[in-house]
Amino acid sequence: MMAFLIRASEIGYDNRVDPGSWWQALAKAIVEVVPQDDPLGDIAGISVSSQGPSLIALGKNQEVLCPALMWNDLRAKAEAENLSAEIGRFVSPAWFLPKAIWLKDHHPQIVL
C-alpha cells in the first residue's frame, strides 16, 4: 500500500495531487510484483481504480499540465450550479464536467 500527499487549503476545496506520484508508485509496484526472470509470468492484467472523478489535464505529448483536481475538490460549485440550472437537474461540483469548466475558466493557459 502506498500513500499520496493531497494538498488541501480547506475541507472540500483545492484538493490536488501530483499525478506523477501515481505513475512513480505504479512503476515501483510493477517492479515489486513482476518477476524479473519471467516478466510475462502469470499476470493476466492490471487494473487501476479510483474513488471518484478526478481530473488530470494532459498536454499533446501526454505530459501533466497541473496537479490533478481530486474527486473531493469542490471549487467548481458555481460551474455545477450553472450546469444544474441549464439542464434542470442536480450536478455535483465533484463531477468531471464542472471541474473541466472551472479549469478552463480559472487557468485558460492550461486548457487550449
C-alpha atoms as a PDB file:
ATOM      1  CA  MET A   1       0.000   0.000   0.000  1.00  0.00           C
ATOM      2  CA  MET A   2       1.243   3.490  -0.861  1.00  0.00           C
ATOM      3  CA  ALA A   3       0.164   6.865   0.487  1.00  0.00           C
ATOM      4  CA  PHE A   4      -0.061  10.078  -1.517  1.00  0.00           C
ATOM      5  CA  LEU A   5       0.183  13.669  -0.365  1.00  0.00           C
ATOM      6  CA  ILE A   6      -3.007  15.630  -1.024  1.00  0.00           C
ATOM      7  CA  ARG A   7      -2.589  19.391  -0.924  1.00  0.00           C
ATOM      8  CA  ALA A   8      -5.726  20.946   0.548  1.00  0.00           C
ATOM      9  CA  SER A   9      -6.398  24.514   1.607  1.00  0.00           C
ATOM     10  CA  GLU A  10      -9.676  23.782   3.375  1.00  0.00           C
ATOM     11  CA  ILE A  11     -12.153  20.915   3.528  1.00  0.00           C
ATOM     12  CA  GLY A  12     -13.804  20.408   0.162  1.00  0.00           C
ATOM     13  CA  TYR A  13     -11.736  22.966  -1.712  1.00  0.00           C
ATOM     14  CA  ASP A  14      -8.463  22.966  -3.593  1.00  0.00           C
ATOM     15  CA  ASN A  15      -7.693  19.260  -3.161  1.00  0.00           C
ATOM     16  CA  ARG A  16      -4.838  18.416  -5.542  1.00  0.00           C
ATOM     17  CA  VAL A  17      -2.366  15.583  -6.066  1.00  0.00           C
ATOM     18  CA  ASP A  18       0.685  15.341  -8.315  1.00  0.00           C
ATOM     19  CA  PRO A  19      -0.253  12.652 -10.888  1.00  0.00           C
ATOM     20  CA  GLY A  20       3.468  11.951 -11.325  1.00  0.00           C
ATOM     21  CA  SER A  21       3.426  10.399  -7.858  1.00  0.00           C
ATOM     22  CA  TRP A  22       0.812   7.893  -9.070  1.00  0.00           C
ATOM     23  CA  TRP A  23       2.957   6.989 -12.083  1.00  0.00           C
ATOM     24  CA  GLN A  24       6.045   6.532  -9.887  1.00  0.00           C
ATOM     25  CA  ALA A  25       4.062   4.353  -7.472  1.00  0.00           C
ATOM     26  CA  LEU A  26       2.772   2.202 -10.344  1.00  0.00           C
ATOM     27  CA  ALA A  27       6.309   1.727 -11.701  1.00  0.00           C
ATOM     28  CA  LYS A  28       7.554   0.787  -8.224  1.00  0.00           C
ATOM     29  CA  ALA A  29       4.683  -1.658  -7.677  1.00  0.00           C
ATOM     30  CA  ILE A  30       5.285  -3.356 -11.023  1.00  0.00           C
ATOM     31  CA  VAL A  31       8.972  -3.837 -10.217  1.00  0.00           C
ATOM     32  CA  GLU A  32       7.983  -5.321  -6.848  1.00  0.00           C
ATOM     33  CA  VAL A  33       5.401  -7.815  -8.170  1.00  0.00           C
ATOM     34  CA  VAL A  34       6.656  -8.795 -11.618  1.00  0.00           C
ATOM     35  CA  PRO A  35       9.357 -11.474 -11.534  1.00  0.00           C
ATOM     36  CA  GLN A  36      12.485 -10.193 -13.272  1.00  0.00           C
ATOM     37  CA  ASP A  37      13.313 -13.625 -14.710  1.00  0.00           C
ATOM     38  CA  ASP A  38       9.810 -14.063 -16.236  1.00  0.00           C
ATOM     39  CA  PRO A  39       8.266 -10.620 -16.849  1.00  0.00           C
ATOM     40  CA  LEU A  40       5.140 -12.000 -18.543  1.00  0.00           C
ATOM     41  CA  GLY A  41       4.717 -14.766 -15.961  1.00  0.00           C
ATOM     42  CA  ASP A  42       1.186 -15.439 -14.776  1.00  0.00           C
ATOM     43  CA  ILE A  43      -0.034 -11.829 -14.867  1.00  0.00           C
ATOM     44  CA  ALA A  44      -3.306 -11.700 -16.793  1.00  0.00           C
ATOM     45  CA  GLY A  45      -3.973  -7.987 -16.393  1.00  0.00           C
ATOM     46  CA  ILE A  46      -3.528  -4.821 -14.403  1.00  0.00           C
ATOM     47  CA  SER A  47      -6.424  -2.785 -13.035  1.00  0.00           C
ATOM     48  CA  VAL A  48      -6.477   0.833 -11.947  1.00  0.00           C
ATOM     49  CA  SER A  49      -9.277   2.191  -9.801  1.00  0.00           C
ATOM     50  CA  SER A  50     -10.310   5.495  -8.321  1.00  0.00           C
ATOM     51  CA  GLN A  51     -12.614   6.661  -5.582  1.00  0.00           C
ATOM     52  CA  GLY A  52     -14.325   9.200  -7.808  1.00  0.00           C
ATOM     53  CA  PRO A  53     -13.929  11.520 -10.798  1.00  0.00           C
ATOM     54  CA  SER A  54     -10.561  13.246 -10.620  1.00  0.00           C
ATOM     55  CA  LEU A  55      -9.396  15.474 -13.466  1.00  0.00           C
ATOM     56  CA  ILE A  56      -5.874  15.081 -14.858  1.00  0.00           C
ATOM     57  CA  ALA A  57      -5.014  17.665 -17.525  1.00  0.00           C
ATOM     58  CA  LEU A  58      -2.576  16.291 -20.110  1.00  0.00           C
ATOM     59  CA  GLY A  59      -0.778  18.097 -22.930  1.00  0.00           C
ATOM     60  CA  LYS A  60      -0.371  16.996 -26.536  1.00  0.00           C
ATOM     61  CA  ASN A  61       2.594  14.800 -25.583  1.00  0.00           C
ATOM     62  CA  GLN A  62       0.781  13.263 -22.581  1.00  0.00           C
ATOM     63  CA  GLU A  63       2.657  15.498 -20.110  1.00  0.00           C
ATOM     64  CA  VAL A  64       0.859  16.507 -16.905  1.00  0.00           C
ATOM     65  CA  LEU A  65      -0.081  20.202 -17.085  1.00  0.00           C
ATOM     66  CA  CYS A  66      -1.156  20.791 -13.483  1.00  0.00           C
ATOM     67  CA  PRO A  67      -1.895  18.884 -10.279  1.00  0.00           C
ATOM     68  CA  ALA A  68      -4.903  16.545 -10.539  1.00  0.00           C
ATOM     69  CA  LEU A  69      -8.167  18.018  -9.277  1.00  0.00           C
ATOM     70  CA  MET A  70      -9.318  15.303  -6.896  1.00  0.00           C
ATOM     71  CA  TRP A  71     -12.858  13.922  -6.652  1.00  0.00           C
ATOM     72  CA  ASN A  72     -13.435  15.835  -3.402  1.00  0.00           C
ATOM     73  CA  ASP A  73     -12.244  19.199  -4.790  1.00  0.00           C
ATOM     74  CA  LEU A  74     -15.399  21.332  -4.771  1.00  0.00           C
ATOM     75  CA  ARG A  75     -14.095  24.610  -6.227  1.00  0.00           C
ATOM     76  CA  ALA A  76     -16.390  24.124  -9.240  1.00  0.00           C
ATOM     77  CA  LYS A  77     -19.512  24.878  -7.175  1.00  0.00           C
ATOM     78  CA  ALA A  78     -20.599  27.846  -9.333  1.00  0.00           C
ATOM     79  CA  GLU A  79     -19.999  25.863 -12.534  1.00  0.00           C
ATOM     80  CA  ALA A  80     -22.069  22.976 -11.173  1.00  0.00           C
ATOM     81  CA  GLU A  81     -24.898  25.333 -10.202  1.00  0.00           C
ATOM     82  CA  ASN A  82     -24.868  26.867 -13.702  1.00  0.00           C
ATOM     83  CA  LEU A  83     -24.996  23.412 -15.310  1.00  0.00           C
ATOM     84  CA  SER A  84     -27.802  22.380 -12.948  1.00  0.00           C
ATOM     85  CA  ALA A  85     -29.827  25.433 -13.968  1.00  0.00           C
ATOM     86  CA  GLU A  86     -29.178  24.712 -17.666  1.00  0.00           C
ATOM     87  CA  ILE A  87     -30.238  21.077 -17.649  1.00  0.00           C
ATOM     88  CA  GLY A  88     -32.808  21.165 -14.859  1.00  0.00           C
ATOM     89  CA  ARG A  89     -31.234  18.541 -12.626  1.00  0.00           C
ATOM     90  CA  PHE A  90     -28.583  18.277  -9.941  1.00  0.00           C
ATOM     91  CA  VAL A  91     -24.935  18.483 -10.957  1.00  0.00           C
ATOM     92  CA  SER A  92     -22.264  17.981  -8.307  1.00  0.00           C
ATOM     93  CA  PRO A  93     -19.130  20.143  -8.242  1.00  0.00           C
ATOM     94  CA  ALA A  94     -17.265  16.870  -7.642  1.00  0.00           C
ATOM     95  CA  TRP A  95     -18.133  15.632 -11.135  1.00  0.00           C
ATOM     96  CA  PHE A  96     -15.791  15.866 -14.116  1.00  0.00           C
ATOM     97  CA  LEU A  97     -17.574  18.442 -16.324  1.00  0.00           C
ATOM     98  CA  PRO A  98     -17.843  21.219 -13.700  1.00  0.00           C
ATOM     99  CA  LYS A  99     -14.147  20.660 -12.864  1.00  0.00           C
ATOM    100  CA  ALA A 100     -13.188  20.928 -16.561  1.00  0.00           C
ATOM    101  CA  ILE A 101     -15.162  24.159 -16.935  1.00  0.00           C
ATOM    102  CA  TRP A 102     -13.582  25.521 -13.730  1.00  0.00           C
ATOM    103  CA  LEU A 103     -10.103  24.693 -15.024  1.00  0.00           C
ATOM    104  CA  LYS A 104     -10.828  26.377 -18.389  1.00  0.00           C
ATOM    105  CA  ASP A 105     -12.230  29.498 -16.684  1.00  0.00           C
ATOM    106  CA  HIS A 106      -9.562  29.843 -13.980  1.00  0.00           C
ATOM    107  CA  HIS A 107      -6.485  28.560 -15.840  1.00  0.00           C
ATOM    108  CA  PRO A 108      -7.073  29.264 -19.553  1.00  0.00           C
ATOM    109  CA  GLN A 109      -3.360  28.797 -20.273  1.00  0.00           C
ATOM    110  CA  ILE A 110      -3.809  25.086 -19.442  1.00  0.00           C
ATOM    111  CA  VAL A 111      -6.949  24.435 -21.493  1.00  0.00           C
ATOM    112  CA  LEU A 112      -6.322  25.347 -25.125  1.00  0.00           C
END
